[in-house]
């Protein structure tokens, strides 16, 4: 289990407050006490708390490949990463680590959003494409690894847990009354609702 967090401004000239990003990531320390990392460029930043399972020494995140073309923060496990790595190596991709993180990021570099069709595992991740100035975020089909997000038209923020999002001063801890009613009646929230609006 790892903790991921990120901030993306619609106006990419607006800088990311690295101390705020660090606060968000530190709130997730219990999810990954083995390593901590921050990455940012104009308008976008990722924070990561790592629980080291695969490639204990080489899987530091956020991770970049392609001379900084892509950056990822990722929580999960890709069960078929060894097979995917072999496939990519046959296509000429080179690897610096033995981590499933780098395989996932290289899969995105090779296939874009279509990389999801190749993945067998549980995951939540976000990739920043520097050339396209584009964020791609996804989670596994069953939602085993959580990915919560906030979007107000100007700020997109995401994290593994709501409490990391609530560190951002623009995000209020306002109750979603419909979700609360669902939870009290059914013991879970329907659809993509959470107890927070």
N, C-alpha and C. Protein backbone atom coordinates (compact mmCIF):
# COMPACT_ATOMS: atom_id res chain seq x y z
N UNK A 1 0.86 -1.17 0.00
CA UNK A 1 0.00 0.00 0.00
C UNK A 1 0.90 1.23 0.00
N UNK A 2 0.58 2.19 -0.84
CA UNK A 2 1.27 3.48 -0.89
C UNK A 2 0.23 4.58 -0.81
N UNK A 3 0.69 5.79 -0.64
CA UNK A 3 -0.18 6.94 -0.64
C UNK A 3 0.22 7.89 -1.75
N UNK A 4 -0.74 8.30 -2.57
CA UNK A 4 -0.46 9.23 -3.66
C UNK A 4 -1.30 10.49 -3.48
N UNK A 5 -0.75 11.60 -3.96
CA UNK A 5 -1.47 12.87 -3.90
C UNK A 5 -0.96 13.75 -5.03
N UNK A 6 -1.81 14.66 -5.48
CA UNK A 6 -1.37 15.54 -6.55
C UNK A 6 -2.25 16.77 -6.68
N UNK A 7 -1.68 17.77 -7.32
CA UNK A 7 -2.37 19.03 -7.59
C UNK A 7 -2.07 19.40 -9.04
N UNK A 8 -3.13 19.78 -9.78
CA UNK A 8 -2.96 20.29 -11.14
C UNK A 8 -3.83 21.53 -11.27
N UNK A 9 -3.22 22.63 -11.67
CA UNK A 9 -3.96 23.87 -11.90
C UNK A 9 -4.36 23.95 -13.36
N UNK A 10 -5.59 24.38 -13.63
CA UNK A 10 -6.03 24.56 -15.02
C UNK A 10 -5.14 25.58 -15.71
N UNK A 11 -4.75 26.60 -14.98
CA UNK A 11 -3.79 27.58 -15.48
C UNK A 11 -2.40 27.09 -15.08
N UNK A 12 -1.70 26.49 -16.02
CA UNK A 12 -0.41 25.87 -15.70
C UNK A 12 0.67 26.87 -15.32
N UNK A 13 0.42 28.16 -15.50
CA UNK A 13 1.40 29.15 -15.05
C UNK A 13 1.28 29.40 -13.54
N UNK A 14 0.19 28.90 -12.93
CA UNK A 14 0.03 29.03 -11.47
C UNK A 14 0.91 27.98 -10.79
N UNK A 15 1.85 28.40 -9.97
CA UNK A 15 2.76 27.43 -9.36
C UNK A 15 2.07 26.57 -8.31
N UNK A 16 2.58 25.37 -8.14
CA UNK A 16 2.11 24.47 -7.09
C UNK A 16 2.87 24.79 -5.81
N UNK A 17 2.15 24.94 -4.73
CA UNK A 17 2.76 25.18 -3.42
C UNK A 17 3.33 23.84 -2.92
N UNK A 18 4.65 23.71 -2.97
CA UNK A 18 5.29 22.44 -2.59
C UNK A 18 5.08 22.10 -1.12
N UNK A 19 4.99 23.10 -0.26
CA UNK A 19 4.76 22.81 1.16
C UNK A 19 3.35 22.25 1.36
N UNK A 20 2.38 22.73 0.60
CA UNK A 20 1.02 22.20 0.65
C UNK A 20 0.99 20.77 0.11
N UNK A 21 1.68 20.54 -0.99
CA UNK A 21 1.78 19.20 -1.56
C UNK A 21 2.41 18.24 -0.55
N UNK A 22 3.43 18.70 0.13
CA UNK A 22 4.08 17.87 1.15
C UNK A 22 3.12 17.55 2.29
N UNK A 23 2.34 18.55 2.74
CA UNK A 23 1.34 18.33 3.78
C UNK A 23 0.36 17.24 3.36
N UNK A 24 -0.10 17.31 2.11
CA UNK A 24 -1.05 16.32 1.61
C UNK A 24 -0.43 14.93 1.65
N UNK A 25 0.81 14.81 1.18
CA UNK A 25 1.47 13.50 1.15
C UNK A 25 1.75 12.98 2.55
N UNK A 26 2.18 13.84 3.45
CA UNK A 26 2.50 13.42 4.82
C UNK A 26 1.25 12.88 5.52
N UNK A 27 0.08 13.39 5.19
CA UNK A 27 -1.17 12.86 5.76
C UNK A 27 -1.37 11.38 5.42
N UNK A 28 -0.65 10.90 4.40
CA UNK A 28 -0.78 9.51 3.95
C UNK A 28 0.40 8.65 4.39
N UNK A 29 1.20 9.15 5.32
CA UNK A 29 2.41 8.44 5.73
C UNK A 29 2.13 7.02 6.21
N UNK A 30 1.02 6.80 6.88
CA UNK A 30 0.67 5.46 7.37
C UNK A 30 0.49 4.46 6.22
N UNK A 31 0.26 4.95 5.00
CA UNK A 31 0.09 4.07 3.84
C UNK A 31 1.43 3.65 3.25
N UNK A 32 2.50 4.40 3.57
CA UNK A 32 3.80 4.11 3.00
C UNK A 32 4.92 4.77 3.78
N UNK A 33 5.38 4.14 4.85
CA UNK A 33 6.40 4.77 5.69
C UNK A 33 7.85 4.59 5.22
N UNK A 34 8.06 3.85 4.12
CA UNK A 34 9.43 3.51 3.70
C UNK A 34 10.13 4.58 2.90
N UNK A 35 9.40 5.44 2.20
CA UNK A 35 10.02 6.43 1.34
C UNK A 35 9.02 7.55 1.09
N UNK A 36 9.55 8.72 0.79
CA UNK A 36 8.73 9.90 0.54
C UNK A 36 9.32 10.63 -0.66
N UNK A 37 8.46 11.16 -1.52
CA UNK A 37 8.96 11.92 -2.65
C UNK A 37 7.98 12.98 -3.11
N UNK A 38 8.54 14.06 -3.65
CA UNK A 38 7.76 15.14 -4.25
C UNK A 38 8.33 15.41 -5.63
N UNK A 39 7.46 15.81 -6.54
CA UNK A 39 7.86 16.24 -7.88
C UNK A 39 6.91 17.35 -8.30
N UNK A 40 7.46 18.37 -8.94
CA UNK A 40 6.58 19.42 -9.47
C UNK A 40 7.25 20.14 -10.62
N UNK A 41 6.41 20.67 -11.47
CA UNK A 41 6.81 21.63 -12.48
C UNK A 41 5.67 22.64 -12.56
N UNK A 42 5.75 23.58 -13.44
CA UNK A 42 4.75 24.64 -13.46
C UNK A 42 3.32 24.09 -13.54
N UNK A 43 2.55 24.41 -12.52
CA UNK A 43 1.13 24.08 -12.54
C UNK A 43 0.75 22.69 -12.10
N UNK A 44 1.71 21.80 -11.86
CA UNK A 44 1.39 20.42 -11.50
C UNK A 44 2.42 19.89 -10.51
N UNK A 45 1.94 19.05 -9.58
CA UNK A 45 2.85 18.44 -8.61
C UNK A 45 2.28 17.15 -8.07
N UNK A 46 3.18 16.22 -7.77
CA UNK A 46 2.81 14.93 -7.20
C UNK A 46 3.55 14.72 -5.87
N UNK A 47 2.87 14.06 -4.94
CA UNK A 47 3.49 13.63 -3.69
C UNK A 47 3.30 12.14 -3.54
N UNK A 48 4.26 11.50 -2.87
CA UNK A 48 4.19 10.05 -2.75
C UNK A 48 4.74 9.58 -1.41
N UNK A 49 4.01 8.67 -0.79
CA UNK A 49 4.46 7.93 0.39
C UNK A 49 4.54 6.47 -0.02
N UNK A 50 5.72 5.86 0.08
CA UNK A 50 5.93 4.53 -0.49
C UNK A 50 6.07 3.44 0.57
N UNK A 51 5.35 2.36 0.34
CA UNK A 51 5.58 1.10 1.04
C UNK A 51 6.34 0.24 0.05
N UNK A 52 7.59 -0.07 0.35
CA UNK A 52 8.47 -0.77 -0.58
C UNK A 52 8.18 -2.27 -0.57
N UNK A 53 7.72 -2.79 -1.71
CA UNK A 53 7.44 -4.21 -1.86
C UNK A 53 8.28 -4.79 -2.99
N UNK A 54 8.13 -4.21 -4.19
CA UNK A 54 8.87 -4.67 -5.37
C UNK A 54 10.01 -3.68 -5.62
N UNK A 55 11.22 -4.20 -5.87
CA UNK A 55 12.41 -3.37 -6.10
C UNK A 55 12.54 -2.33 -4.99
N UNK A 56 12.85 -2.82 -3.82
CA UNK A 56 12.90 -2.00 -2.62
C UNK A 56 13.82 -0.79 -2.79
N UNK A 57 14.96 -0.98 -3.44
CA UNK A 57 15.93 0.11 -3.58
C UNK A 57 15.67 1.00 -4.79
N UNK A 58 15.00 0.48 -5.83
CA UNK A 58 14.92 1.23 -7.08
C UNK A 58 13.59 1.81 -7.46
N UNK A 59 12.60 1.72 -6.61
CA UNK A 59 11.27 2.15 -7.02
C UNK A 59 10.83 3.49 -6.49
N UNK A 60 11.77 4.40 -6.20
CA UNK A 60 11.43 5.72 -5.65
C UNK A 60 10.42 6.44 -6.57
N UNK A 61 9.45 7.09 -5.93
CA UNK A 61 8.44 7.84 -6.66
C UNK A 61 8.28 9.23 -6.04
N UNK A 62 7.69 10.14 -6.78
CA UNK A 62 7.29 10.07 -8.18
C UNK A 62 8.48 9.73 -9.07
N UNK A 63 8.18 9.00 -10.15
CA UNK A 63 9.21 8.50 -11.06
C UNK A 63 9.02 9.13 -12.44
N UNK A 64 10.16 9.44 -13.07
CA UNK A 64 10.14 10.00 -14.43
C UNK A 64 10.83 9.04 -15.39
N UNK A 65 10.38 9.04 -16.65
CA UNK A 65 11.06 8.33 -17.73
C UNK A 65 11.05 9.23 -18.97
N UNK A 66 11.83 8.80 -19.95
CA UNK A 66 11.87 9.54 -21.22
C UNK A 66 12.45 10.92 -21.05
N UNK A 67 13.54 11.02 -20.27
CA UNK A 67 14.19 12.30 -20.02
C UNK A 67 13.20 13.35 -19.52
N UNK A 68 12.35 12.91 -18.59
CA UNK A 68 11.38 13.82 -17.99
C UNK A 68 10.11 14.01 -18.79
N UNK A 69 9.90 13.18 -19.83
CA UNK A 69 8.70 13.31 -20.64
C UNK A 69 7.43 12.90 -19.90
N UNK A 70 7.57 11.92 -19.00
CA UNK A 70 6.43 11.41 -18.24
C UNK A 70 6.82 11.28 -16.78
N UNK A 71 5.85 11.55 -15.89
CA UNK A 71 6.06 11.37 -14.46
C UNK A 71 4.84 10.66 -13.89
N UNK A 72 5.08 9.75 -12.94
CA UNK A 72 4.00 8.97 -12.35
C UNK A 72 4.07 8.98 -10.83
N UNK A 73 2.90 8.94 -10.20
CA UNK A 73 2.76 8.55 -8.80
C UNK A 73 1.74 7.42 -8.80
N UNK A 74 2.06 6.33 -8.10
CA UNK A 74 1.31 5.09 -8.28
C UNK A 74 1.21 4.32 -6.98
N UNK A 75 0.04 3.73 -6.76
CA UNK A 75 -0.21 2.85 -5.64
C UNK A 75 -0.79 1.57 -6.20
N UNK A 76 -0.19 0.44 -5.88
CA UNK A 76 -0.78 -0.82 -6.32
C UNK A 76 0.25 -1.88 -6.63
N UNK A 77 -0.21 -2.85 -7.41
CA UNK A 77 0.64 -3.93 -7.88
C UNK A 77 0.13 -4.40 -9.23
N UNK A 78 1.02 -4.42 -10.20
CA UNK A 78 0.70 -4.95 -11.53
C UNK A 78 1.21 -6.39 -11.56
N UNK A 79 0.30 -7.34 -11.53
CA UNK A 79 0.68 -8.75 -11.41
C UNK A 79 1.44 -9.26 -12.62
N UNK A 80 1.14 -8.75 -13.79
CA UNK A 80 1.80 -9.21 -15.01
C UNK A 80 2.92 -8.29 -15.47
N UNK A 81 3.55 -7.57 -14.54
CA UNK A 81 4.56 -6.59 -14.93
C UNK A 81 5.80 -7.22 -15.55
N UNK A 82 6.15 -8.42 -15.16
CA UNK A 82 7.34 -9.08 -15.74
C UNK A 82 7.10 -9.37 -17.22
N UNK A 83 5.92 -9.88 -17.54
CA UNK A 83 5.58 -10.15 -18.94
C UNK A 83 5.52 -8.86 -19.76
N UNK A 84 4.92 -7.83 -19.17
CA UNK A 84 4.82 -6.53 -19.86
C UNK A 84 6.21 -5.93 -20.08
N UNK A 85 7.08 -6.08 -19.11
CA UNK A 85 8.44 -5.57 -19.25
C UNK A 85 9.16 -6.26 -20.40
N UNK A 86 9.02 -7.58 -20.50
CA UNK A 86 9.64 -8.33 -21.61
C UNK A 86 9.11 -7.85 -22.96
N UNK A 87 7.81 -7.63 -23.02
CA UNK A 87 7.19 -7.14 -24.26
C UNK A 87 7.76 -5.77 -24.65
N UNK A 88 7.90 -4.89 -23.67
CA UNK A 88 8.43 -3.55 -23.94
C UNK A 88 9.91 -3.60 -24.31
N UNK A 89 10.67 -4.46 -23.66
CA UNK A 89 12.09 -4.59 -23.98
C UNK A 89 12.27 -5.06 -25.43
N UNK A 90 11.38 -5.96 -25.86
CA UNK A 90 11.44 -6.44 -27.24
C UNK A 90 11.16 -5.30 -28.23
N UNK A 91 10.45 -4.27 -27.78
CA UNK A 91 10.15 -3.11 -28.63
C UNK A 91 11.22 -2.02 -28.50
N UNK A 92 12.27 -2.29 -27.70
CA UNK A 92 13.36 -1.34 -27.58
C UNK A 92 13.34 -0.46 -26.34
N UNK A 93 12.36 -0.63 -25.46
CA UNK A 93 12.32 0.16 -24.23
C UNK A 93 13.41 -0.34 -23.29
N UNK A 94 14.02 0.60 -22.57
CA UNK A 94 15.07 0.27 -21.61
C UNK A 94 14.60 0.64 -20.21
N UNK A 95 15.06 -0.13 -19.24
CA UNK A 95 14.61 0.05 -17.86
C UNK A 95 15.80 0.30 -16.94
N UNK A 96 15.58 1.19 -15.97
CA UNK A 96 16.60 1.49 -14.96
C UNK A 96 16.35 0.75 -13.66
N UNK A 97 15.12 0.29 -13.45
CA UNK A 97 14.76 -0.36 -12.20
C UNK A 97 14.13 -1.72 -12.49
N UNK A 98 13.79 -2.42 -11.41
CA UNK A 98 13.08 -3.69 -11.53
C UNK A 98 11.65 -3.55 -10.98
N UNK A 99 11.16 -2.32 -10.93
CA UNK A 99 9.87 -2.05 -10.30
C UNK A 99 8.71 -2.11 -11.29
N UNK A 100 7.55 -2.48 -10.77
CA UNK A 100 6.35 -2.46 -11.59
C UNK A 100 5.93 -1.02 -11.89
N UNK A 101 6.39 -0.07 -11.08
CA UNK A 101 6.11 1.35 -11.34
C UNK A 101 6.67 1.78 -12.68
N UNK A 102 7.94 1.45 -12.92
CA UNK A 102 8.55 1.85 -14.18
C UNK A 102 7.90 1.14 -15.36
N UNK A 103 7.51 -0.12 -15.17
CA UNK A 103 6.83 -0.85 -16.24
C UNK A 103 5.50 -0.16 -16.57
N UNK A 104 4.75 0.21 -15.54
CA UNK A 104 3.48 0.91 -15.76
C UNK A 104 3.69 2.23 -16.51
N UNK A 105 4.69 2.97 -16.10
CA UNK A 105 4.96 4.26 -16.75
C UNK A 105 5.41 4.07 -18.19
N UNK A 106 6.23 3.06 -18.45
CA UNK A 106 6.66 2.78 -19.82
C UNK A 106 5.49 2.26 -20.66
N UNK A 107 4.57 1.53 -20.05
CA UNK A 107 3.36 1.09 -20.76
C UNK A 107 2.55 2.32 -21.19
N UNK A 108 2.46 3.31 -20.32
CA UNK A 108 1.76 4.53 -20.70
C UNK A 108 2.50 5.24 -21.83
N UNK A 109 3.82 5.28 -21.75
CA UNK A 109 4.61 5.92 -22.81
C UNK A 109 4.38 5.20 -24.15
N UNK A 110 4.22 3.88 -24.10
CA UNK A 110 4.05 3.09 -25.33
C UNK A 110 2.62 3.14 -25.87
N UNK A 111 1.62 3.08 -24.98
CA UNK A 111 0.24 2.89 -25.42
C UNK A 111 -0.72 4.02 -25.03
N UNK A 112 -0.26 4.98 -24.25
CA UNK A 112 -1.17 6.01 -23.79
C UNK A 112 -2.25 5.42 -22.90
N UNK A 113 -3.45 5.97 -22.99
CA UNK A 113 -4.56 5.50 -22.16
C UNK A 113 -4.91 4.04 -22.41
N UNK A 114 -4.59 3.53 -23.59
CA UNK A 114 -4.87 2.13 -23.93
C UNK A 114 -4.04 1.16 -23.11
N UNK A 115 -3.07 1.66 -22.34
CA UNK A 115 -2.26 0.78 -21.49
C UNK A 115 -3.13 0.03 -20.49
N UNK A 116 -4.27 0.61 -20.11
CA UNK A 116 -5.15 -0.02 -19.12
C UNK A 116 -5.61 -1.41 -19.56
N UNK A 117 -5.80 -1.60 -20.85
CA UNK A 117 -6.27 -2.89 -21.36
C UNK A 117 -5.25 -4.01 -21.16
N UNK A 118 -3.99 -3.65 -20.94
CA UNK A 118 -2.91 -4.63 -20.77
C UNK A 118 -2.64 -4.98 -19.31
N UNK A 119 -3.21 -4.21 -18.39
CA UNK A 119 -2.85 -4.34 -16.99
C UNK A 119 -3.70 -5.37 -16.26
N UNK A 120 -3.01 -6.23 -15.51
CA UNK A 120 -3.66 -7.18 -14.62
C UNK A 120 -3.16 -6.82 -13.23
N UNK A 121 -4.04 -6.28 -12.41
CA UNK A 121 -3.60 -5.90 -11.07
C UNK A 121 -4.58 -4.98 -10.38
N UNK A 122 -4.10 -4.43 -9.29
CA UNK A 122 -4.87 -3.45 -8.53
C UNK A 122 -4.02 -2.19 -8.49
N UNK A 123 -4.63 -1.05 -8.80
CA UNK A 123 -3.82 0.15 -8.96
C UNK A 123 -4.65 1.42 -8.91
N UNK A 124 -3.98 2.49 -8.55
CA UNK A 124 -4.46 3.86 -8.70
C UNK A 124 -3.21 4.65 -9.04
N UNK A 125 -3.28 5.45 -10.10
CA UNK A 125 -2.09 6.19 -10.50
C UNK A 125 -2.47 7.45 -11.26
N UNK A 126 -1.50 8.33 -11.36
CA UNK A 126 -1.62 9.54 -12.18
C UNK A 126 -0.31 9.71 -12.93
N UNK A 127 -0.43 10.03 -14.22
CA UNK A 127 0.73 10.28 -15.07
C UNK A 127 0.60 11.69 -15.63
N UNK A 128 1.70 12.43 -15.55
CA UNK A 128 1.76 13.74 -16.20
C UNK A 128 2.58 13.60 -17.47
N UNK A 129 1.98 13.97 -18.60
CA UNK A 129 2.65 13.97 -19.90
C UNK A 129 3.15 15.40 -20.12
N UNK A 130 4.46 15.58 -20.00
CA UNK A 130 5.06 16.92 -20.07
C UNK A 130 4.87 17.56 -21.45
N UNK A 131 5.05 16.77 -22.50
CA UNK A 131 4.94 17.32 -23.85
C UNK A 131 3.51 17.76 -24.16
N UNK A 132 2.53 16.92 -23.80
CA UNK A 132 1.13 17.21 -24.08
C UNK A 132 0.48 18.12 -23.04
N UNK A 133 1.17 18.32 -21.90
CA UNK A 133 0.60 19.07 -20.77
C UNK A 133 -0.74 18.46 -20.38
N UNK A 134 -0.71 17.15 -20.15
CA UNK A 134 -1.94 16.39 -19.92
C UNK A 134 -1.77 15.45 -18.73
N UNK A 135 -2.80 15.39 -17.89
CA UNK A 135 -2.83 14.46 -16.77
C UNK A 135 -3.73 13.29 -17.15
N UNK A 136 -3.25 12.09 -16.87
CA UNK A 136 -4.08 10.89 -17.00
C UNK A 136 -4.08 10.20 -15.66
N UNK A 137 -5.26 9.99 -15.08
CA UNK A 137 -5.38 9.31 -13.80
C UNK A 137 -6.38 8.17 -13.94
N UNK A 138 -6.08 7.07 -13.28
CA UNK A 138 -6.94 5.89 -13.38
C UNK A 138 -6.82 5.04 -12.13
N UNK A 139 -7.82 4.20 -11.95
CA UNK A 139 -7.75 3.19 -10.89
C UNK A 139 -8.23 1.87 -11.47
N UNK A 140 -7.96 0.78 -10.75
CA UNK A 140 -8.39 -0.54 -11.23
C UNK A 140 -9.90 -0.59 -11.32
N UNK A 141 -10.38 -1.54 -12.08
CA UNK A 141 -11.80 -1.62 -12.41
C UNK A 141 -12.70 -1.81 -11.19
N UNK A 142 -12.19 -2.47 -10.15
CA UNK A 142 -13.00 -2.72 -8.96
C UNK A 142 -12.80 -1.66 -7.88
N UNK A 143 -11.87 -0.79 -8.07
CA UNK A 143 -11.61 0.24 -7.06
C UNK A 143 -10.92 -0.30 -5.82
N UNK A 144 -10.14 -1.36 -5.99
CA UNK A 144 -9.41 -1.93 -4.85
C UNK A 144 -8.47 -0.88 -4.27
N UNK A 145 -7.78 -0.18 -5.15
CA UNK A 145 -6.91 0.91 -4.72
C UNK A 145 -7.67 2.22 -4.94
N UNK A 146 -7.86 2.98 -3.89
CA UNK A 146 -8.72 4.18 -3.99
C UNK A 146 -8.05 5.35 -4.70
N UNK A 147 -8.89 6.16 -5.32
CA UNK A 147 -8.45 7.40 -5.95
C UNK A 147 -9.58 8.42 -5.79
N UNK A 148 -9.40 9.33 -4.84
CA UNK A 148 -10.37 10.39 -4.60
C UNK A 148 -9.90 11.65 -5.31
N UNK A 149 -10.85 12.44 -5.80
CA UNK A 149 -10.44 13.66 -6.48
C UNK A 149 -11.43 14.80 -6.22
N UNK A 150 -10.93 16.01 -6.49
CA UNK A 150 -11.69 17.24 -6.37
C UNK A 150 -11.44 18.06 -7.63
N UNK A 151 -12.50 18.64 -8.19
CA UNK A 151 -12.37 19.48 -9.38
C UNK A 151 -13.36 20.61 -9.29
N UNK A 152 -12.87 21.85 -9.37
CA UNK A 152 -13.76 23.01 -9.31
C UNK A 152 -13.68 23.86 -10.58
N UNK A 153 -13.06 23.35 -11.63
CA UNK A 153 -12.91 24.09 -12.87
C UNK A 153 -11.56 24.79 -12.98
N UNK A 154 -10.91 24.98 -11.85
CA UNK A 154 -9.58 25.62 -11.83
C UNK A 154 -8.54 24.74 -11.15
N UNK A 155 -8.96 23.98 -10.17
CA UNK A 155 -8.07 23.13 -9.39
C UNK A 155 -8.52 21.68 -9.50
N UNK A 156 -7.60 20.80 -9.90
CA UNK A 156 -7.83 19.36 -9.83
C UNK A 156 -6.85 18.83 -8.80
N UNK A 157 -7.37 18.18 -7.77
CA UNK A 157 -6.53 17.58 -6.74
C UNK A 157 -6.98 16.14 -6.56
N UNK A 158 -6.02 15.26 -6.26
CA UNK A 158 -6.36 13.85 -6.06
C UNK A 158 -5.51 13.29 -4.93
N UNK A 159 -6.00 12.19 -4.35
CA UNK A 159 -5.26 11.54 -3.26
C UNK A 159 -5.84 10.16 -3.01
N UNK A 160 -5.09 9.37 -2.27
CA UNK A 160 -5.53 8.03 -1.89
C UNK A 160 -6.61 8.06 -0.82
N UNK A 161 -6.68 9.15 -0.07
CA UNK A 161 -7.68 9.28 1.00
C UNK A 161 -8.20 10.72 1.04
N UNK A 162 -9.47 10.90 1.42
CA UNK A 162 -10.02 12.26 1.49
C UNK A 162 -9.27 13.18 2.43
N UNK A 163 -8.72 12.65 3.53
CA UNK A 163 -8.07 13.54 4.50
C UNK A 163 -6.87 14.26 3.91
N UNK A 164 -6.22 13.67 2.91
CA UNK A 164 -5.12 14.37 2.23
C UNK A 164 -5.67 15.53 1.40
N UNK A 165 -6.81 15.32 0.74
CA UNK A 165 -7.43 16.39 -0.04
C UNK A 165 -7.85 17.55 0.86
N UNK A 166 -8.32 17.22 2.06
CA UNK A 166 -8.81 18.25 2.97
C UNK A 166 -7.69 19.14 3.52
N UNK A 167 -6.44 18.80 3.24
CA UNK A 167 -5.32 19.67 3.60
C UNK A 167 -5.30 20.92 2.72
N UNK A 168 -5.89 20.83 1.53
CA UNK A 168 -5.88 21.97 0.62
C UNK A 168 -6.90 23.00 1.10
N UNK A 169 -6.51 24.26 1.23
CA UNK A 169 -7.43 25.27 1.78
C UNK A 169 -8.67 25.53 0.92
N UNK A 170 -8.64 25.18 -0.35
CA UNK A 170 -9.82 25.40 -1.21
C UNK A 170 -10.82 24.26 -1.14
N UNK A 171 -10.49 23.20 -0.42
CA UNK A 171 -11.37 22.03 -0.35
C UNK A 171 -11.98 21.97 1.05
N UNK A 172 -13.31 22.05 1.10
CA UNK A 172 -14.02 22.06 2.38
C UNK A 172 -14.52 20.66 2.74
N UNK A 173 -14.59 20.40 4.03
CA UNK A 173 -15.10 19.13 4.54
C UNK A 173 -16.62 19.23 4.69
N UNK A 174 -17.32 19.35 3.57
CA UNK A 174 -18.77 19.51 3.56
C UNK A 174 -19.42 18.15 3.33
N UNK A 175 -20.42 17.83 4.14
CA UNK A 175 -21.09 16.52 4.06
C UNK A 175 -22.00 16.47 2.84
N UNK A 176 -21.97 15.34 2.14
CA UNK A 176 -22.91 15.05 1.07
C UNK A 176 -24.08 14.31 1.73
N UNK A 177 -25.19 15.01 1.92
CA UNK A 177 -26.33 14.45 2.67
C UNK A 177 -26.93 13.21 1.98
N UNK A 178 -26.96 13.20 0.65
CA UNK A 178 -27.45 12.01 -0.06
C UNK A 178 -26.56 10.81 0.20
N UNK A 179 -25.25 11.02 0.18
CA UNK A 179 -24.31 9.93 0.44
C UNK A 179 -24.44 9.45 1.88
N UNK A 180 -24.64 10.37 2.81
CA UNK A 180 -24.83 10.00 4.22
C UNK A 180 -26.08 9.15 4.38
N UNK A 181 -27.15 9.54 3.70
CA UNK A 181 -28.40 8.76 3.75
C UNK A 181 -28.17 7.36 3.18
N UNK A 182 -27.46 7.29 2.05
CA UNK A 182 -27.11 5.97 1.48
C UNK A 182 -26.37 5.13 2.50
N UNK A 183 -25.38 5.74 3.15
CA UNK A 183 -24.55 5.00 4.08
C UNK A 183 -25.36 4.51 5.28
N UNK A 184 -26.23 5.36 5.80
CA UNK A 184 -27.04 4.95 6.95
C UNK A 184 -28.04 3.86 6.59
N UNK A 185 -28.55 3.88 5.36
CA UNK A 185 -29.51 2.87 4.92
C UNK A 185 -28.86 1.58 4.42
N UNK A 186 -27.73 1.71 3.74
CA UNK A 186 -27.14 0.57 3.03
C UNK A 186 -25.76 0.14 3.53
N UNK A 187 -25.16 0.95 4.39
CA UNK A 187 -23.80 0.73 4.90
C UNK A 187 -22.72 0.96 3.85
N UNK A 188 -23.05 1.66 2.77
CA UNK A 188 -22.08 2.11 1.78
C UNK A 188 -22.71 3.25 0.97
N UNK A 189 -21.88 3.99 0.27
CA UNK A 189 -22.36 5.08 -0.57
C UNK A 189 -22.53 4.59 -2.00
N UNK A 190 -23.62 4.93 -2.64
CA UNK A 190 -23.90 4.48 -4.00
C UNK A 190 -23.05 5.22 -5.03
N UNK A 191 -22.73 4.52 -6.11
CA UNK A 191 -22.03 5.13 -7.24
C UNK A 191 -20.66 5.66 -6.85
N UNK A 192 -20.37 6.86 -7.31
CA UNK A 192 -19.05 7.46 -7.03
C UNK A 192 -19.11 8.46 -5.88
N UNK A 193 -20.21 8.42 -5.10
CA UNK A 193 -20.35 9.35 -3.99
C UNK A 193 -19.43 8.98 -2.83
N UNK A 194 -19.07 9.99 -2.05
CA UNK A 194 -18.40 9.79 -0.76
C UNK A 194 -19.16 10.60 0.26
N UNK A 195 -18.79 10.48 1.51
CA UNK A 195 -19.46 11.25 2.55
C UNK A 195 -19.16 12.74 2.42
N UNK A 196 -18.12 13.09 1.66
CA UNK A 196 -17.80 14.49 1.40
C UNK A 196 -18.32 14.89 0.03
N UNK A 197 -18.84 16.13 -0.06
CA UNK A 197 -19.24 16.65 -1.37
C UNK A 197 -18.02 16.77 -2.24
